[in-house]
Amino acid sequence: MIRARLAERVSRGRAVTVPGRDRLEIVWIEQVPLRASAAGECTDMMARLEQARLCWHQFERQDKPAFVRWRAREFGALLSTARDVEDKIRDAQNLIHEVEMEMRRKIQDPHSAYRRVLFRRENPGVAEDRETSSNGSQSTPHLSEFEQEALFEEWVQKFLGTNPARWMTTLIRPALKF
């Protein structure tokens, strides 16, 4: 539609040939109608933008708070129950994460790691004292890297039920392909 109007305006203009060049022509166009139509389109768009802005402000200031009040009035008990359930789920996920970290850190079975985490949660002061006293003394033997690797592979095989050598080759082999 715009091209049709533009072609119409161009055809009304007069062509002037540039001296010394046979193929190039300068086409004179009336700019006033072009500018007027562009200004009209701009004004229409600005009006639409202002209308959208007013609707957005009404939504933010009136509709959204009214919806929140309605939802709280109609479903308040259910929403608080849902929040309580979400809190319990989050606590259980944190407990699982702590147990997994304890299993990795101390290379132990899930049951004993769970008991250690529960003990540490129930007695935070005692657990910190034990950690500092065990770190301060050199009674625990330092394992070499080979021994740590062997213990880790044994733990993976025992508690995860997979062969660590096979597991590592499936991870490393695709990474080495070029």
N, C-alpha and C. Protein backbone atom coordinates (compact mmCIF):
# COMPACT_ATOMS: atom_id res chain seq x y z
N MET A 1 0.82 -1.18 0.00
CA MET A 1 0.00 0.00 0.00
C MET A 1 0.87 1.25 0.00
N ILE A 2 1.91 1.24 0.82
CA ILE A 2 2.80 2.41 0.88
C ILE A 2 3.57 2.54 -0.42
N ARG A 3 3.99 1.39 -1.00
CA ARG A 3 4.72 1.44 -2.27
C ARG A 3 3.84 1.99 -3.38
N ALA A 4 2.56 1.62 -3.36
CA ALA A 4 1.65 2.11 -4.40
C ALA A 4 1.52 3.62 -4.31
N ARG A 5 1.38 4.14 -3.07
CA ARG A 5 1.28 5.59 -2.90
C ARG A 5 2.59 6.27 -3.31
N LEU A 6 3.71 5.65 -2.95
CA LEU A 6 5.00 6.23 -3.28
C LEU A 6 5.21 6.25 -4.80
N ALA A 7 4.82 5.17 -5.48
CA ALA A 7 4.96 5.13 -6.94
C ALA A 7 4.06 6.18 -7.59
N GLU A 8 2.90 6.38 -7.01
CA GLU A 8 1.98 7.39 -7.52
C GLU A 8 2.58 8.78 -7.40
N ARG A 9 3.20 9.07 -6.26
CA ARG A 9 3.81 10.38 -6.04
C ARG A 9 5.01 10.59 -6.95
N VAL A 10 5.79 9.52 -7.13
CA VAL A 10 6.98 9.62 -7.96
C VAL A 10 6.57 9.89 -9.40
N SER A 11 5.52 9.23 -9.84
CA SER A 11 5.11 9.42 -11.24
C SER A 11 4.61 10.83 -11.50
N ARG A 12 4.12 11.51 -10.45
CA ARG A 12 3.67 12.88 -10.64
C ARG A 12 4.83 13.86 -10.73
N GLY A 13 6.00 13.45 -10.19
CA GLY A 13 7.16 14.34 -10.25
C GLY A 13 7.71 14.41 -11.65
N ARG A 14 8.63 15.29 -11.84
CA ARG A 14 9.22 15.40 -13.17
C ARG A 14 10.66 14.93 -13.12
N ALA A 15 11.09 14.29 -14.16
CA ALA A 15 12.43 13.72 -14.23
C ALA A 15 13.36 14.70 -14.91
N VAL A 16 14.55 14.81 -14.39
CA VAL A 16 15.57 15.69 -14.96
C VAL A 16 16.80 14.83 -15.24
N THR A 17 17.31 14.92 -16.42
CA THR A 17 18.50 14.16 -16.80
C THR A 17 19.73 14.94 -16.39
N VAL A 18 20.68 14.22 -15.80
CA VAL A 18 21.92 14.84 -15.39
C VAL A 18 22.80 14.96 -16.63
N PRO A 19 23.36 16.15 -16.87
CA PRO A 19 24.21 16.31 -18.05
C PRO A 19 25.46 15.42 -17.96
N GLY A 20 25.81 14.80 -19.08
CA GLY A 20 26.99 13.95 -19.15
C GLY A 20 26.69 12.50 -18.84
N ARG A 21 25.52 12.19 -18.35
CA ARG A 21 25.16 10.80 -18.03
C ARG A 21 23.77 10.54 -18.62
N ASP A 22 23.70 9.60 -19.46
CA ASP A 22 22.44 9.32 -20.13
C ASP A 22 21.50 8.47 -19.28
N ARG A 23 22.01 7.64 -18.41
CA ARG A 23 21.17 6.66 -17.72
C ARG A 23 20.65 7.15 -16.37
N LEU A 24 21.30 8.07 -15.72
CA LEU A 24 20.88 8.50 -14.40
C LEU A 24 19.92 9.68 -14.51
N GLU A 25 18.89 9.61 -13.72
CA GLU A 25 17.92 10.70 -13.68
C GLU A 25 17.66 11.07 -12.24
N ILE A 26 17.43 12.30 -11.99
CA ILE A 26 17.01 12.76 -10.67
C ILE A 26 15.50 12.95 -10.76
N VAL A 27 14.80 12.35 -9.81
CA VAL A 27 13.34 12.45 -9.79
C VAL A 27 12.97 13.41 -8.67
N TRP A 28 12.25 14.43 -9.01
CA TRP A 28 11.81 15.40 -8.02
C TRP A 28 10.52 14.89 -7.40
N ILE A 29 10.47 14.90 -6.08
CA ILE A 29 9.28 14.44 -5.38
C ILE A 29 8.80 15.57 -4.46
N GLU A 30 7.51 15.61 -4.28
CA GLU A 30 6.96 16.57 -3.33
C GLU A 30 7.07 15.95 -1.94
N GLN A 31 7.81 16.60 -1.05
CA GLN A 31 8.06 16.06 0.28
C GLN A 31 6.91 16.34 1.24
N VAL A 32 6.13 17.35 0.97
CA VAL A 32 5.07 17.74 1.90
C VAL A 32 4.07 16.60 2.10
N PRO A 33 3.54 15.96 1.05
CA PRO A 33 2.60 14.86 1.30
C PRO A 33 3.26 13.67 2.01
N LEU A 34 4.52 13.38 1.68
CA LEU A 34 5.22 12.28 2.35
C LEU A 34 5.38 12.56 3.84
N ARG A 35 5.80 13.75 4.15
CA ARG A 35 5.99 14.13 5.56
C ARG A 35 4.66 14.15 6.30
N ALA A 36 3.61 14.59 5.64
CA ALA A 36 2.29 14.64 6.28
C ALA A 36 1.80 13.23 6.59
N SER A 37 1.95 12.30 5.65
CA SER A 37 1.50 10.93 5.91
C SER A 37 2.36 10.27 6.99
N ALA A 38 3.67 10.50 6.99
CA ALA A 38 4.54 9.95 8.03
C ALA A 38 4.18 10.54 9.39
N ALA A 39 3.88 11.83 9.44
CA ALA A 39 3.50 12.46 10.71
C ALA A 39 2.16 11.91 11.18
N GLY A 40 1.24 11.66 10.27
CA GLY A 40 -0.05 11.08 10.65
C GLY A 40 0.10 9.67 11.21
N GLU A 41 0.92 8.85 10.55
CA GLU A 41 1.17 7.50 11.04
C GLU A 41 1.85 7.53 12.40
N CYS A 42 2.78 8.45 12.57
CA CYS A 42 3.48 8.59 13.85
C CYS A 42 2.50 8.99 14.95
N THR A 43 1.60 9.93 14.65
CA THR A 43 0.61 10.38 15.63
C THR A 43 -0.32 9.23 16.02
N ASP A 44 -0.74 8.43 15.03
CA ASP A 44 -1.59 7.28 15.33
C ASP A 44 -0.87 6.27 16.23
N MET A 45 0.38 6.01 15.92
CA MET A 45 1.15 5.07 16.74
C MET A 45 1.38 5.60 18.16
N MET A 46 1.63 6.89 18.28
CA MET A 46 1.82 7.49 19.61
C MET A 46 0.52 7.38 20.42
N ALA A 47 -0.62 7.55 19.76
CA ALA A 47 -1.91 7.42 20.45
C ALA A 47 -2.12 5.97 20.91
N ARG A 48 -1.77 5.00 20.04
CA ARG A 48 -1.88 3.59 20.42
C ARG A 48 -0.95 3.25 21.58
N LEU A 49 0.25 3.82 21.55
CA LEU A 49 1.22 3.60 22.62
C LEU A 49 0.70 4.17 23.94
N GLU A 50 0.14 5.34 23.89
CA GLU A 50 -0.39 5.96 25.11
C GLU A 50 -1.56 5.15 25.65
N GLN A 51 -2.42 4.65 24.77
CA GLN A 51 -3.54 3.80 25.19
C GLN A 51 -3.02 2.52 25.85
N ALA A 52 -2.01 1.90 25.26
CA ALA A 52 -1.42 0.69 25.84
C ALA A 52 -0.78 0.99 27.19
N ARG A 53 -0.14 2.14 27.30
CA ARG A 53 0.49 2.54 28.57
C ARG A 53 -0.57 2.72 29.65
N LEU A 54 -1.70 3.34 29.31
CA LEU A 54 -2.78 3.53 30.27
C LEU A 54 -3.36 2.19 30.72
N CYS A 55 -3.54 1.27 29.76
CA CYS A 55 -4.05 -0.06 30.10
C CYS A 55 -3.08 -0.80 31.01
N TRP A 56 -1.79 -0.67 30.74
CA TRP A 56 -0.78 -1.33 31.57
C TRP A 56 -0.78 -0.77 32.99
N HIS A 57 -0.87 0.55 33.11
CA HIS A 57 -0.92 1.16 34.45
C HIS A 57 -2.17 0.72 35.20
N GLN A 58 -3.30 0.62 34.51
CA GLN A 58 -4.53 0.17 35.16
C GLN A 58 -4.36 -1.28 35.64
N PHE A 59 -3.73 -2.10 34.81
CA PHE A 59 -3.49 -3.49 35.20
C PHE A 59 -2.61 -3.55 36.44
N GLU A 60 -1.52 -2.80 36.43
CA GLU A 60 -0.56 -2.85 37.55
C GLU A 60 -1.15 -2.27 38.84
N ARG A 61 -1.92 -1.20 38.75
CA ARG A 61 -2.40 -0.49 39.94
C ARG A 61 -3.75 -0.98 40.45
N GLN A 62 -4.61 -1.51 39.56
CA GLN A 62 -5.94 -1.89 40.00
C GLN A 62 -6.21 -3.38 39.84
N ASP A 63 -6.02 -3.90 38.63
CA ASP A 63 -6.42 -5.28 38.35
C ASP A 63 -5.58 -6.31 39.10
N LYS A 64 -4.28 -6.12 39.08
CA LYS A 64 -3.40 -7.10 39.73
C LYS A 64 -3.61 -7.14 41.25
N PRO A 65 -3.64 -5.99 41.95
CA PRO A 65 -3.92 -6.05 43.39
C PRO A 65 -5.30 -6.64 43.70
N ALA A 66 -6.30 -6.33 42.87
CA ALA A 66 -7.62 -6.89 43.10
C ALA A 66 -7.60 -8.41 42.95
N PHE A 67 -6.85 -8.90 41.96
CA PHE A 67 -6.74 -10.35 41.77
C PHE A 67 -6.05 -11.00 42.96
N VAL A 68 -4.98 -10.37 43.46
CA VAL A 68 -4.26 -10.93 44.61
C VAL A 68 -5.18 -10.98 45.82
N ARG A 69 -5.96 -9.93 46.05
CA ARG A 69 -6.90 -9.93 47.18
C ARG A 69 -7.96 -11.03 47.01
N TRP A 70 -8.48 -11.18 45.79
CA TRP A 70 -9.49 -12.20 45.54
C TRP A 70 -8.92 -13.59 45.77
N ARG A 71 -7.71 -13.83 45.25
CA ARG A 71 -7.09 -15.14 45.40
C ARG A 71 -6.84 -15.46 46.88
N ALA A 72 -6.40 -14.46 47.64
CA ALA A 72 -6.15 -14.68 49.07
C ALA A 72 -7.46 -14.95 49.80
N ARG A 73 -8.54 -14.24 49.42
CA ARG A 73 -9.82 -14.42 50.07
C ARG A 73 -10.41 -15.80 49.76
N GLU A 74 -10.34 -16.21 48.51
CA GLU A 74 -10.97 -17.46 48.09
C GLU A 74 -10.12 -18.70 48.41
N PHE A 75 -8.81 -18.58 48.27
CA PHE A 75 -7.94 -19.75 48.39
C PHE A 75 -6.88 -19.59 49.47
N GLY A 76 -7.10 -18.74 50.45
CA GLY A 76 -6.08 -18.46 51.47
C GLY A 76 -5.59 -19.69 52.19
N ALA A 77 -6.51 -20.53 52.63
CA ALA A 77 -6.11 -21.73 53.37
C ALA A 77 -5.32 -22.68 52.48
N LEU A 78 -5.77 -22.85 51.25
CA LEU A 78 -5.04 -23.72 50.34
C LEU A 78 -3.66 -23.18 50.01
N LEU A 79 -3.55 -21.87 49.84
CA LEU A 79 -2.24 -21.27 49.54
C LEU A 79 -1.28 -21.44 50.70
N SER A 80 -1.76 -21.27 51.92
CA SER A 80 -0.85 -21.45 53.07
C SER A 80 -0.45 -22.92 53.21
N THR A 81 -1.38 -23.83 52.93
CA THR A 81 -1.03 -25.25 52.95
C THR A 81 0.01 -25.56 51.88
N ALA A 82 -0.16 -24.98 50.70
CA ALA A 82 0.80 -25.19 49.62
C ALA A 82 2.18 -24.64 50.00
N ARG A 83 2.21 -23.48 50.65
CA ARG A 83 3.50 -22.93 51.10
C ARG A 83 4.16 -23.83 52.13
N ASP A 84 3.35 -24.40 53.06
CA ASP A 84 3.91 -25.32 54.06
C ASP A 84 4.49 -26.56 53.40
N VAL A 85 3.77 -27.11 52.42
CA VAL A 85 4.25 -28.30 51.72
C VAL A 85 5.54 -27.97 50.96
N GLU A 86 5.59 -26.80 50.32
CA GLU A 86 6.82 -26.40 49.61
C GLU A 86 7.99 -26.27 50.57
N ASP A 87 7.74 -25.74 51.78
CA ASP A 87 8.81 -25.64 52.78
C ASP A 87 9.31 -27.02 53.20
N LYS A 88 8.37 -27.96 53.40
CA LYS A 88 8.77 -29.32 53.78
C LYS A 88 9.58 -29.98 52.67
N ILE A 89 9.14 -29.78 51.43
CA ILE A 89 9.88 -30.35 50.29
C ILE A 89 11.28 -29.77 50.23
N ARG A 90 11.40 -28.45 50.41
CA ARG A 90 12.71 -27.79 50.37
C ARG A 90 13.61 -28.32 51.49
N ASP A 91 13.04 -28.51 52.71
CA ASP A 91 13.83 -29.06 53.82
C ASP A 91 14.31 -30.48 53.51
N ALA A 92 13.42 -31.29 52.93
CA ALA A 92 13.80 -32.67 52.59
C ALA A 92 14.88 -32.68 51.51
N GLN A 93 14.77 -31.79 50.52
CA GLN A 93 15.81 -31.71 49.48
C GLN A 93 17.14 -31.29 50.08
N ASN A 94 17.12 -30.34 51.02
CA ASN A 94 18.36 -29.93 51.68
C ASN A 94 18.97 -31.08 52.48
N LEU A 95 18.12 -31.86 53.17
CA LEU A 95 18.62 -33.00 53.93
C LEU A 95 19.26 -34.02 52.99
N ILE A 96 18.61 -34.31 51.88
CA ILE A 96 19.17 -35.26 50.90
C ILE A 96 20.51 -34.75 50.38
N HIS A 97 20.57 -33.46 50.09
CA HIS A 97 21.83 -32.89 49.59
C HIS A 97 22.93 -33.01 50.64
N GLU A 98 22.61 -32.71 51.90
CA GLU A 98 23.62 -32.83 52.97
C GLU A 98 24.10 -34.27 53.12
N VAL A 99 23.18 -35.23 53.05
CA VAL A 99 23.56 -36.63 53.17
C VAL A 99 24.46 -37.03 52.01
N GLU A 100 24.11 -36.62 50.80
CA GLU A 100 24.96 -36.94 49.64
C GLU A 100 26.35 -36.33 49.79
N MET A 101 26.42 -35.09 50.28
CA MET A 101 27.72 -34.46 50.47
C MET A 101 28.53 -35.19 51.55
N GLU A 102 27.85 -35.62 52.62
CA GLU A 102 28.53 -36.36 53.67
C GLU A 102 29.04 -37.70 53.14
N MET A 103 28.24 -38.35 52.29
CA MET A 103 28.68 -39.62 51.71
C MET A 103 29.92 -39.41 50.85
N ARG A 104 29.96 -38.35 50.09
CA ARG A 104 31.12 -38.08 49.24
C ARG A 104 32.35 -37.68 50.06
N ARG A 105 32.09 -36.86 51.09
CA ARG A 105 33.21 -36.34 51.87
C ARG A 105 33.88 -37.44 52.69
N LYS A 106 33.11 -38.29 53.33
CA LYS A 106 33.67 -39.29 54.24
C LYS A 106 33.70 -40.68 53.62
N ILE A 107 33.21 -40.85 52.40
CA ILE A 107 33.13 -42.13 51.70
C ILE A 107 32.52 -43.18 52.64
N GLN A 108 31.22 -43.04 52.85
CA GLN A 108 30.50 -43.94 53.74
C GLN A 108 29.14 -44.27 53.15
N ASP A 109 28.46 -45.24 53.78
CA ASP A 109 27.17 -45.66 53.27
C ASP A 109 26.09 -44.61 53.61
N PRO A 110 24.96 -44.64 52.90
CA PRO A 110 23.92 -43.62 53.10
C PRO A 110 23.35 -43.60 54.52
N HIS A 111 23.20 -44.76 55.15
CA HIS A 111 22.59 -44.80 56.48
C HIS A 111 23.47 -44.08 57.52
N SER A 112 24.75 -44.38 57.51
CA SER A 112 25.63 -43.73 58.50
C SER A 112 25.79 -42.23 58.18
N ALA A 113 25.80 -41.88 56.90
CA ALA A 113 25.86 -40.46 56.54
C ALA A 113 24.61 -39.74 57.02
N TYR A 114 23.44 -40.37 56.88
CA TYR A 114 22.18 -39.79 57.34
C TYR A 114 22.22 -39.59 58.86
N ARG A 115 22.72 -40.59 59.59
CA ARG A 115 22.80 -40.45 61.05
C ARG A 115 23.74 -39.32 61.45
N ARG A 116 24.87 -39.19 60.73
CA ARG A 116 25.81 -38.11 61.05
C ARG A 116 25.20 -36.74 60.80
N VAL A 117 24.47 -36.62 59.69
CA VAL A 117 23.83 -35.34 59.37
C VAL A 117 22.78 -35.00 60.41
N LEU A 118 21.96 -35.98 60.81
CA LEU A 118 20.95 -35.71 61.84
C LEU A 118 21.60 -35.33 63.16
N PHE A 119 22.68 -36.03 63.53
CA PHE A 119 23.37 -35.69 64.77
C PHE A 119 23.93 -34.27 64.70
N ARG A 120 24.53 -33.92 63.57
CA ARG A 120 25.09 -32.58 63.40
C ARG A 120 23.99 -31.52 63.45
N ARG A 121 22.82 -31.82 62.90
CA ARG A 121 21.71 -30.86 62.96
C ARG A 121 21.17 -30.70 64.37
N GLU A 122 21.10 -31.80 65.13
CA GLU A 122 20.57 -31.73 66.49
C GLU A 122 21.56 -31.12 67.47
N ASN A 123 22.85 -31.33 67.25
CA ASN A 123 23.90 -30.85 68.15
C ASN A 123 24.94 -30.06 67.38
N PRO A 124 24.63 -28.85 66.97
CA PRO A 124 25.60 -28.11 66.14
C PRO A 124 26.89 -27.77 66.87
N GLY A 125 26.85 -27.50 68.15
CA GLY A 125 28.06 -27.17 68.90
C GLY A 125 28.99 -28.36 69.03
N VAL A 126 28.45 -29.54 69.31
CA VAL A 126 29.25 -30.76 69.48
C VAL A 126 29.89 -31.15 68.15
N ALA A 127 29.12 -31.04 67.08
CA ALA A 127 29.65 -31.42 65.77
C ALA A 127 30.81 -30.52 65.36
N GLU A 128 30.73 -29.22 65.66
CA GLU A 128 31.83 -28.31 65.34
C GLU A 128 33.06 -28.63 66.16
N ASP A 129 32.86 -28.98 67.47
CA ASP A 129 34.00 -29.34 68.32
C ASP A 129 34.70 -30.58 67.80
N ARG A 130 33.92 -31.57 67.36
CA ARG A 130 34.52 -32.79 66.84
C ARG A 130 35.30 -32.52 65.56
N GLU A 131 34.76 -31.67 64.71
CA GLU A 131 35.46 -31.34 63.46
C GLU A 131 36.79 -30.66 63.74
N THR A 132 36.80 -29.69 64.67
CA THR A 132 38.05 -28.97 64.95
C THR A 132 39.04 -29.88 65.66
N SER A 133 38.56 -30.76 66.55
CA SER A 133 39.50 -31.64 67.24
C SER A 133 40.07 -32.69 66.29
N SER A 134 39.26 -33.20 65.36
CA SER A 134 39.80 -34.20 64.43
C SER A 134 40.73 -33.55 63.42
N ASN A 135 40.49 -32.31 63.06
CA ASN A 135 41.39 -31.62 62.13
C ASN A 135 42.69 -31.23 62.81
N GLY A 136 42.62 -30.94 64.11
CA GLY A 136 43.81 -30.52 64.83
C GLY A 136 44.77 -31.66 65.11
N SER A 137 44.27 -32.87 65.29
CA SER A 137 45.16 -33.99 65.61
C SER A 137 45.58 -34.71 64.33
N GLN A 138 46.72 -35.32 64.39
CA GLN A 138 47.25 -36.04 63.23
C GLN A 138 47.03 -37.55 63.39
N SER A 139 46.02 -37.95 64.21
CA SER A 139 45.79 -39.37 64.45
C SER A 139 45.20 -40.07 63.21
N THR A 140 44.50 -39.33 62.38
CA THR A 140 43.94 -39.94 61.17
C THR A 140 45.04 -40.01 60.12
N PRO A 141 45.23 -41.18 59.52
CA PRO A 141 46.31 -41.31 58.53
C PRO A 141 45.93 -40.59 57.24
N HIS A 142 46.93 -40.02 56.62
CA HIS A 142 46.71 -39.34 55.35
C HIS A 142 46.81 -40.38 54.24
N LEU A 143 45.76 -40.46 53.43
CA LEU A 143 45.75 -41.45 52.36
C LEU A 143 46.38 -40.86 51.11
N SER A 144 47.08 -41.71 50.40
CA SER A 144 47.66 -41.26 49.14
C SER A 144 46.55 -41.10 48.10
N GLU A 145 46.90 -40.49 47.01
CA GLU A 145 45.91 -40.27 45.96
C GLU A 145 45.42 -41.59 45.38
N PHE A 146 46.31 -42.57 45.26
CA PHE A 146 45.93 -43.89 44.76
C PHE A 146 44.94 -44.56 45.70
N GLU A 147 45.21 -44.47 47.02
CA GLU A 147 44.30 -45.09 47.99
C GLU A 147 42.94 -44.40 47.99
N GLN A 148 42.93 -43.08 47.87
CA GLN A 148 41.66 -42.35 47.79
C GLN A 148 40.87 -42.78 46.56
N GLU A 149 41.56 -42.91 45.43
CA GLU A 149 40.92 -43.35 44.19
C GLU A 149 40.32 -44.74 44.35
N ALA A 150 41.08 -45.66 44.98
CA ALA A 150 40.60 -47.02 45.18
C ALA A 150 39.38 -47.05 46.10
N LEU A 151 39.42 -46.28 47.17
CA LEU A 151 38.28 -46.20 48.08
C LEU A 151 37.05 -45.62 47.39
N PHE A 152 37.27 -44.61 46.57
CA PHE A 152 36.15 -44.00 45.86
C PHE A 152 35.53 -44.99 44.89
N GLU A 153 36.37 -45.72 44.13
CA GLU A 153 35.84 -46.71 43.19
C GLU A 153 35.07 -47.81 43.93
N GLU A 154 35.58 -48.23 45.09
CA GLU A 154 34.88 -49.23 45.88
C GLU A 154 33.53 -48.71 46.36
N TRP A 155 33.51 -47.46 46.78
CA TRP A 155 32.26 -46.84 47.24
C TRP A 155 31.25 -46.73 46.11
N VAL A 156 31.71 -46.30 44.92
CA VAL A 156 30.81 -46.18 43.77
C VAL A 156 30.24 -47.54 43.41
N GLN A 157 31.08 -48.56 43.41
CA GLN A 157 30.61 -49.89 43.05
C GLN A 157 29.64 -50.43 44.10
N LYS A 158 29.90 -50.17 45.37
CA LYS A 158 29.06 -50.71 46.44
C LYS A 158 27.72 -50.00 46.54
N PHE A 159 27.72 -48.66 46.51
CA PHE A 159 26.49 -47.93 46.80
C PHE A 159 25.75 -47.44 45.56
N LEU A 160 26.44 -47.24 44.47
CA LEU A 160 25.76 -46.80 43.26
C LEU A 160 25.52 -47.96 42.30
N GLY A 161 26.21 -49.07 42.53
CA GLY A 161 25.99 -50.27 41.73
C GLY A 161 26.51 -50.19 40.32
N THR A 162 27.49 -49.36 40.08
CA THR A 162 28.06 -49.26 38.74
C THR A 162 29.55 -49.52 38.80
N ASN A 163 30.10 -49.88 37.65
CA ASN A 163 31.54 -50.10 37.56
C ASN A 163 32.18 -48.75 37.24
N PRO A 164 33.00 -48.20 38.13
CA PRO A 164 33.57 -46.87 37.90
C PRO A 164 34.47 -46.81 36.68
N ALA A 165 35.19 -47.89 36.37
CA ALA A 165 36.09 -47.86 35.21
C ALA A 165 35.27 -47.74 33.93
N ARG A 166 34.19 -48.47 33.84
CA ARG A 166 33.33 -48.40 32.66
C ARG A 166 32.65 -47.04 32.58
N TRP A 167 32.23 -46.54 33.73
CA TRP A 167 31.57 -45.24 33.81
C TRP A 167 32.50 -44.13 33.33
N MET A 168 33.77 -44.18 33.74
CA MET A 168 34.74 -43.16 33.35
C MET A 168 35.05 -43.24 31.86
N THR A 169 35.13 -44.47 31.31
CA THR A 169 35.43 -44.58 29.89
C THR A 169 34.29 -44.05 29.04
N THR A 170 33.05 -44.21 29.50
CA THR A 170 31.92 -43.66 28.72
C THR A 170 31.91 -42.15 28.79
N LEU A 171 32.45 -41.57 29.86
CA LEU A 171 32.50 -40.11 29.95
C LEU A 171 33.68 -39.54 29.18
N ILE A 172 34.83 -40.21 29.25
CA ILE A 172 36.05 -39.66 28.67
C ILE A 172 36.12 -39.93 27.16
N ARG A 173 35.73 -41.13 26.73
CA ARG A 173 35.87 -41.49 25.33
C ARG A 173 35.17 -40.51 24.38
N PRO A 174 33.89 -40.10 24.61
CA PRO A 174 33.27 -39.13 23.68
C PRO A 174 33.96 -37.78 23.71
N ALA A 175 34.55 -37.42 24.82
CA ALA A 175 35.22 -36.12 24.90
C ALA A 175 36.51 -36.09 24.09
N LEU A 176 37.11 -37.26 23.86
CA LEU A 176 38.36 -37.31 23.14
C LEU A 176 38.18 -37.35 21.63
N LYS A 177 36.97 -37.59 21.15
CA LYS A 177 36.73 -37.64 19.71
C LYS A 177 36.86 -36.26 19.11
N PHE A 178 37.46 -36.21 17.94
CA PHE A 178 37.64 -34.92 17.26
C PHE A 178 36.72 -34.81 16.10
